[in-house]
Structure formats: C-alpha cells, structure tokens
Amino acid sequence: MKTLITSTLLAIIGIAIVPAARAGEIWRATGLEQPESAFFDAAGKRIIVSNIVGNPSEADGNGYLSILSLDGKMVAQHWTDGMDAPKGMAISGGKLYVADITKIRVVNLENGKLVSTIDVPNTVFLNDMTTDASGKIYVTDMLADAIYRLDDGGQELFVRDAALASPNGIFADGGRLIVASWGKGIKPDFSTAEPGGLLSVDLATRTVSHLPGAQKFANLDGVIVVGDSVYATAYMAGTLYRYKAGGKPEAVATFKPGSADIGTDGKSTIYVPQMNEGEVAALSLD
C-alpha cells in the first residue's frame, strides 16, 4: 500500500524461505495506477483490474476499474469510474462485486456501469472477495479480524475471530475458505508485531484453523488455489509463495514490494498486481 508502507519495513518480512520452484513471466501490463487486484473473468475472457489511485483508506472518488486482454493489452483504462479505493472482486449472479473500503460496488459486467452500492455497516477496511459454489459472496474486513457474507437475502457477519489476524486475501475452496493473514498487532504503517500466514475457515461450522506448516511467515495479501496448491503474495517482500498440504511455503517468484491481490485462470496462469509499479504480471505455473 504505497502511501502507507515505507521501505524501512522490509526488515520485518518474516522467515526467509529458499525457492524450490519458479513461475515464469509471460507478459507484463503497464500504465495502471496502484493496481490492487487482478481478477480473471472467465466468461468475458479478460482480466479486470482495480486501481486505487491514492490512499487505500480514503473515500476520494479517484478509484476505477480497468480491463486487460488475456495477452496483457489494455482494452479499457477507465472501464468503471466513480469508486474510492477498489480492491478485491467477485462475480455472482451475472454481476461484478467490488470491495471499496466500507462499501461493496455492484457493476454491470456487460458495460462496466456502476449499478448500485451496498453499505456494509460497522466495517473498517473491506479488502478481498470470493464466491462459493452456491454463489454466496465472502469479503474480508482486514482491520476488524472479520469476514462478511452476502447473498440474495442480504448480508451478515460470517465470522469475527482474532485468529484471523488481519485477514486480507480470501478464496473459496470446496467446503472451506482459504484466508491469507497479514499478521497480528497491525500498526498504522501496516507493519505487524507478528507476521501472518495461511488459514482455513470451515463453511459449515465457521471454525478458523491454521494450515499446518504455513504459520507466521509473511505479511500476506492475495491468495488463490490452483489444483492442490495454495498461492499467496507477501506484499512487503514482493514474493509469491506456493504451499501444499504437508509441506511449507515455497517462494516461486519475487517482485519488488507491492505484490497484491492475485487472480488465476484456475489452470496454468496467475496474474500478480504490482501496486507500487503500476503493473500486472502474468506468470505461467510450472
């Protein structure tokens, strides 16, 4: 988060992990403005990118969405305007939902027009979003250790638990949510007293648990699941990690600080926003 994090924080990255595998870069899109999330729209065959353009916590009206082609070309720089600091996204019921501080923006997928705004009371810093198999939407409130759920019946606090430790990224994986934690004791400059890790939230019981071997290793941002692997970005280190059950996180790619909310085609490609560089990189999984 460019306006909140300085280079002096790089010393608190966490546990150094030796790379065991690599992800190769396919292309890199430039000219974006603090891209926070790169969301793969399978039906539209495109990548939707949220641009913060300013303080990630400020309702300044500067934020917007862009469209990239699958080969990294800019299709529409300002596809959707009128947002503040848009971050994670999800599609449900033929509409695009975008987390925007304490609101959720609803966007028409055909033309990019802003359809409506959903206020989520008592929230602080809505961040990433995901949808489960039934179309229910989940969104993290990073600064309140909470996850909210939305569906046609409205919205509810799904879980609030200190164990979530500043939940940032979220991804629905079968009967659970995979959560990327930034860490405990988050400070105004977004450093932490303790680094974050990977967690699981059971959709039926709402129980929060740690993924074995993936605790307290980095200030995590985005998270996705591809096959049997969980991928997560460490924002301040710029590192992309891969985790498999029974193992430990492995660094598979390293960028400059600012790697944020990743997206995937679910098969062979990961899209990594570089907030501080104004870029999105596409990586091929080995």
Protein backbone atom coordinates (compact mmCIF):
# COMPACT_ATOMS: atom_id res chain seq x y z
CA MET A 1 0.00 0.00 0.00
CA LYS A 2 2.09 2.74 -1.45
CA THR A 3 1.03 5.64 0.73
CA LEU A 4 1.18 3.68 3.97
CA ILE A 5 4.27 1.49 3.78
CA THR A 6 7.87 2.68 3.61
CA SER A 7 11.00 0.88 2.61
CA THR A 8 12.11 0.64 6.24
CA LEU A 9 9.50 -2.08 6.77
CA LEU A 10 11.32 -4.57 4.58
CA ALA A 11 13.24 -5.77 7.61
CA ILE A 12 10.08 -7.34 9.06
CA ILE A 13 9.31 -9.60 6.11
CA GLY A 14 9.41 -12.72 8.25
CA ILE A 15 11.01 -16.11 7.76
CA ALA A 16 13.33 -16.41 4.78
CA ILE A 17 12.34 -19.36 2.61
CA VAL A 18 14.62 -20.75 -0.09
CA PRO A 19 12.92 -21.04 -3.50
CA ALA A 20 12.23 -24.61 -4.56
CA ALA A 21 10.34 -23.89 -7.78
CA ARG A 22 9.81 -20.99 -10.16
CA ALA A 23 6.93 -19.42 -12.04
CA GLY A 24 7.88 -17.89 -15.39
CA GLU A 25 6.68 -14.46 -16.52
CA ILE A 26 4.57 -14.42 -19.70
CA TRP A 27 3.83 -10.72 -20.04
CA ARG A 28 3.61 -7.50 -18.05
CA ALA A 29 0.95 -4.81 -18.45
CA THR A 30 1.96 -1.24 -17.54
CA GLY A 31 0.27 2.15 -17.18
CA LEU A 32 -2.04 1.21 -14.30
CA GLU A 33 -2.49 3.28 -11.12
CA GLN A 34 -1.91 1.36 -7.89
CA PRO A 35 -3.47 -1.85 -9.20
CA GLU A 36 -4.63 -3.80 -6.15
CA SER A 37 -6.50 -6.76 -7.64
CA ALA A 38 -6.28 -8.64 -10.95
CA PHE A 39 -9.46 -10.69 -11.36
CA PHE A 40 -9.85 -13.29 -14.10
CA ASP A 41 -13.29 -13.10 -15.75
CA ALA A 42 -13.63 -16.48 -17.45
CA ALA A 43 -16.88 -15.74 -19.29
CA GLY A 44 -15.63 -12.38 -20.53
CA LYS A 45 -12.17 -13.77 -21.40
CA ARG A 46 -10.44 -10.80 -19.78
CA ILE A 47 -8.76 -9.55 -16.64
CA ILE A 48 -10.45 -6.87 -14.54
CA VAL A 49 -8.03 -4.69 -12.56
CA SER A 50 -8.93 -2.43 -9.63
CA ASN A 51 -6.95 0.84 -9.42
CA ILE A 52 -6.79 2.59 -6.02
CA VAL A 53 -5.18 5.90 -7.11
CA GLY A 54 -4.39 7.34 -3.69
CA ASN A 55 -4.73 6.35 -0.06
CA PRO A 56 -6.23 2.83 0.22
CA SER A 57 -8.36 4.04 3.16
CA GLU A 58 -9.62 7.32 1.72
CA ALA A 59 -13.03 7.86 0.10
CA ASP A 60 -11.66 10.26 -2.53
CA GLY A 61 -13.57 9.19 -5.65
CA ASN A 62 -10.33 8.50 -7.56
CA GLY A 63 -10.61 4.72 -7.89
CA TYR A 64 -11.61 2.87 -11.04
CA LEU A 65 -11.55 -0.47 -12.85
CA SER A 66 -9.56 -1.34 -15.98
CA ILE A 67 -9.84 -4.18 -18.50
CA LEU A 68 -6.85 -6.14 -19.82
CA SER A 69 -6.94 -8.74 -22.59
CA LEU A 70 -5.59 -12.20 -21.81
CA ASP A 71 -2.35 -11.27 -23.57
CA GLY A 72 -1.84 -8.23 -21.37
CA LYS A 73 -3.09 -5.47 -23.69
CA MET A 74 -5.06 -2.53 -22.30
CA VAL A 75 -8.65 -2.82 -23.53
CA ALA A 76 -10.21 -0.07 -21.39
CA GLN A 77 -8.24 2.04 -18.91
CA HIS A 78 -11.32 3.59 -17.27
CA TRP A 79 -13.94 0.85 -17.66
CA THR A 80 -15.71 1.76 -14.39
CA ASP A 81 -15.24 5.10 -12.64
CA GLY A 82 -16.84 6.54 -9.51
CA MET A 83 -15.13 4.39 -6.89
CA ASP A 84 -12.91 5.33 -3.96
CA ALA A 85 -10.22 2.69 -3.33
CA PRO A 86 -11.44 -0.51 -5.03
CA LYS A 87 -9.71 -3.75 -4.09
CA GLY A 88 -10.86 -7.39 -4.32
CA MET A 89 -13.61 -8.55 -6.70
CA ALA A 90 -16.00 -11.45 -7.21
CA ILE A 91 -18.70 -12.42 -9.72
CA SER A 92 -22.09 -13.75 -8.64
CA GLY A 93 -25.46 -13.81 -10.38
CA GLY A 94 -24.04 -12.21 -13.51
CA LYS A 95 -22.77 -9.14 -11.67
CA LEU A 96 -19.36 -7.97 -10.54
CA TYR A 97 -18.91 -7.11 -6.85
CA VAL A 98 -16.04 -4.87 -5.74
CA ALA A 99 -14.81 -4.21 -2.18
CA ASP A 100 -14.41 -0.45 -1.64
CA ILE A 101 -13.39 0.45 1.96
CA THR A 102 -16.73 0.11 3.78
CA LYS A 103 -18.92 -0.42 0.72
CA ILE A 104 -19.41 -3.01 -1.98
CA ARG A 105 -19.87 -1.71 -5.51
CA VAL A 106 -22.05 -3.67 -7.94
CA VAL A 107 -21.07 -3.40 -11.61
CA ASN A 108 -22.77 -4.42 -14.85
CA LEU A 109 -20.45 -6.95 -16.49
CA GLU A 110 -21.57 -6.05 -20.00
CA ASN A 111 -20.82 -2.34 -19.98
CA GLY A 112 -18.91 -1.59 -16.76
CA LYS A 113 -21.60 0.74 -15.45
CA LEU A 114 -21.94 1.10 -11.69
CA VAL A 115 -25.31 -0.46 -10.85
CA SER A 116 -25.53 0.08 -7.10
CA THR A 117 -23.62 0.46 -3.86
CA ILE A 118 -24.09 -1.76 -0.82
CA ASP A 119 -23.19 -0.24 2.54
CA VAL A 120 -21.77 -2.79 4.98
CA PRO A 121 -22.33 -1.33 8.48
CA ASN A 122 -19.63 -1.45 11.15
CA THR A 123 -16.85 -2.36 8.71
CA VAL A 124 -13.44 -0.71 8.62
CA PHE A 125 -11.37 -1.89 5.64
CA LEU A 126 -13.05 -4.31 3.24
CA ASN A 127 -10.40 -5.99 1.15
CA ASP A 128 -10.68 -9.23 -0.82
CA MET A 129 -13.73 -11.16 -2.07
CA THR A 130 -14.66 -14.65 -3.25
CA THR A 131 -17.76 -16.70 -4.10
CA ASP A 132 -18.59 -20.25 -3.03
CA ALA A 133 -20.25 -22.93 -5.17
CA SER A 134 -23.74 -21.64 -4.33
CA GLY A 135 -22.92 -18.07 -5.34
CA LYS A 136 -22.62 -16.62 -1.84
CA ILE A 137 -20.06 -13.83 -1.59
CA TYR A 138 -17.47 -13.50 1.16
CA VAL A 139 -15.43 -10.37 1.87
CA THR A 140 -12.65 -9.79 4.40
CA ASP A 141 -12.59 -6.81 6.75
CA MET A 142 -8.84 -6.65 7.26
CA LEU A 143 -8.73 -4.18 10.15
CA ALA A 144 -11.57 -5.82 12.11
CA ASP A 145 -10.50 -9.52 12.00
CA ALA A 146 -13.78 -10.33 10.27
CA ILE A 147 -15.36 -11.92 7.21
CA TYR A 148 -18.81 -10.93 5.94
CA ARG A 149 -21.16 -12.97 3.75
CA LEU A 150 -23.61 -11.64 1.17
CA ASP A 151 -26.36 -13.33 -0.82
CA ASP A 152 -29.83 -12.52 -2.14
CA GLY A 153 -31.11 -12.45 1.44
CA GLY A 154 -28.78 -9.67 2.48
CA GLN A 155 -25.54 -9.54 4.41
CA GLU A 156 -24.25 -10.94 7.67
CA LEU A 157 -21.14 -11.08 9.81
CA PHE A 158 -19.92 -14.58 8.94
CA VAL A 159 -17.06 -14.79 11.43
CA ARG A 160 -15.10 -12.44 13.65
CA ASP A 161 -12.08 -14.04 15.29
CA ALA A 162 -8.72 -12.68 16.47
CA ALA A 163 -7.17 -15.81 14.98
CA LEU A 164 -7.83 -14.34 11.52
CA ALA A 165 -5.06 -11.84 12.34
CA SER A 166 -5.88 -9.09 9.83
CA PRO A 167 -7.39 -11.24 7.07
CA ASN A 168 -6.55 -9.94 3.61
CA GLY A 169 -6.87 -12.44 0.77
CA ILE A 170 -9.71 -14.96 0.63
CA PHE A 171 -10.57 -17.83 -1.74
CA ALA A 172 -13.43 -20.33 -1.61
CA ASP A 173 -12.11 -23.88 -1.94
CA GLY A 174 -14.84 -26.52 -1.69
CA GLY A 175 -16.23 -26.53 1.84
CA ARG A 176 -13.76 -24.02 3.19
CA LEU A 177 -12.38 -20.54 2.77
CA ILE A 178 -8.61 -20.16 2.44
CA VAL A 179 -7.53 -16.90 4.09
CA ALA A 180 -4.23 -15.03 3.78
CA SER A 181 -3.44 -13.25 7.03
CA TRP A 182 -1.40 -10.03 7.15
CA GLY A 183 -0.47 -10.63 10.80
CA LYS A 184 -1.27 -9.76 14.39
CA GLY A 185 -0.81 -6.36 16.00
CA ILE A 186 -1.18 -4.37 12.80
CA LYS A 187 0.13 -0.80 13.16
CA PRO A 188 -0.74 2.48 11.39
CA ASP A 189 2.13 1.95 8.95
CA PHE A 190 0.87 -1.61 8.29
CA SER A 191 3.82 -3.30 9.93
CA THR A 192 2.87 -6.00 12.42
CA ALA A 193 4.02 -7.31 15.76
CA GLU A 194 3.75 -10.82 14.27
CA PRO A 195 3.69 -11.88 10.60
CA GLY A 196 0.70 -13.63 9.11
CA GLY A 197 0.14 -16.99 7.48
CA LEU A 198 -2.46 -19.18 5.81
CA LEU A 199 -5.73 -20.18 7.47
CA SER A 200 -8.87 -22.15 6.73
CA VAL A 201 -12.45 -21.30 7.69
CA ASP A 202 -14.95 -24.16 7.57
CA LEU A 203 -18.08 -23.00 5.74
CA ALA A 204 -20.38 -25.24 7.79
CA THR A 205 -19.02 -24.64 11.30
CA ARG A 206 -17.26 -21.28 10.75
CA THR A 207 -14.26 -22.66 12.62
CA VAL A 208 -10.93 -20.95 11.98
CA SER A 209 -7.80 -23.10 11.82
CA HIS A 210 -4.19 -22.71 10.69
CA LEU A 211 -2.86 -24.56 7.67
CA PRO A 212 -0.06 -26.76 9.10
CA GLY A 213 3.42 -25.51 8.26
CA ALA A 214 2.19 -22.15 6.93
CA GLN A 215 2.07 -20.01 10.07
CA LYS A 216 3.79 -16.70 10.89
CA PHE A 217 5.95 -16.46 7.78
CA ALA A 218 4.96 -13.21 5.98
CA ASN A 219 2.55 -10.28 5.71
CA LEU A 220 0.25 -11.93 3.19
CA ASP A 221 -2.02 -10.18 0.72
CA GLY A 222 -3.69 -12.13 -2.10
CA VAL A 223 -4.47 -15.86 -2.16
CA ILE A 224 -5.75 -18.37 -4.72
CA VAL A 225 -5.98 -22.15 -5.06
CA VAL A 226 -4.90 -23.99 -8.21
CA GLY A 227 -5.17 -27.77 -8.08
CA ASP A 228 -3.57 -28.99 -4.86
CA SER A 229 -1.57 -25.81 -4.32
CA VAL A 230 -2.29 -22.57 -2.47
CA TYR A 231 -0.57 -19.47 -3.83
CA ALA A 232 -0.21 -16.28 -1.79
CA THR A 233 1.63 -12.98 -2.13
CA ALA A 234 3.70 -11.32 0.57
CA TYR A 235 3.10 -7.62 -0.08
CA MET A 236 6.15 -6.06 1.54
CA ALA A 237 8.59 -8.66 0.25
CA GLY A 238 7.04 -8.86 -3.21
CA THR A 239 7.21 -12.66 -3.01
CA LEU A 240 4.77 -15.18 -4.46
CA TYR A 241 4.59 -18.36 -2.35
CA ARG A 242 3.24 -21.83 -3.11
CA TYR A 243 2.00 -24.12 -0.35
CA LYS A 244 0.93 -27.77 -0.48
CA ALA A 245 -0.61 -29.72 2.39
CA GLY A 246 2.08 -31.44 4.42
CA GLY A 247 4.78 -29.05 3.29
CA LYS A 248 5.94 -25.48 3.86
CA PRO A 249 5.56 -22.32 1.76
CA GLU A 250 8.00 -22.15 -1.15
CA ALA A 251 8.95 -18.92 -2.92
CA VAL A 252 8.17 -19.33 -6.64
CA ALA A 253 8.57 -15.73 -7.83
CA THR A 254 9.90 -12.47 -6.43
CA PHE A 255 8.99 -8.94 -7.43
CA LYS A 256 9.55 -5.52 -5.92
CA PRO A 257 7.49 -4.77 -2.78
CA GLY A 258 3.81 -4.30 -3.60
CA SER A 259 2.58 -7.68 -4.86
CA ALA A 260 -1.13 -7.59 -4.05
CA ASP A 261 -4.38 -9.49 -4.73
CA ILE A 262 -3.63 -12.21 -7.28
CA GLY A 263 -6.01 -13.79 -9.77
CA THR A 264 -5.87 -17.00 -11.80
CA ASP A 265 -7.46 -18.77 -14.73
CA GLY A 266 -7.58 -21.82 -12.45
CA LYS A 267 -5.31 -23.80 -14.76
CA SER A 268 -1.87 -22.52 -15.64
CA THR A 269 -1.66 -18.77 -15.18
CA ILE A 270 -1.51 -16.38 -12.22
CA TYR A 271 -1.99 -12.62 -12.51
CA VAL A 272 0.01 -10.57 -9.99
CA PRO A 273 -0.73 -6.85 -9.49
CA GLN A 274 2.32 -4.71 -8.66
CA MET A 275 0.78 -1.81 -6.77
CA ASN A 276 3.90 0.30 -6.40
CA GLU A 277 4.96 -0.19 -10.01
CA GLY A 278 1.56 0.31 -11.68
CA GLU A 279 1.82 -3.06 -13.41
CA VAL A 280 0.24 -6.51 -13.64
CA ALA A 281 2.45 -9.53 -14.37
CA ALA A 282 1.16 -12.80 -15.82
CA LEU A 283 3.01 -15.91 -14.65
CA SER A 284 2.99 -19.41 -16.09
CA LEU A 285 2.88 -22.16 -13.46
CA ASP A 286 5.37 -24.98 -13.80
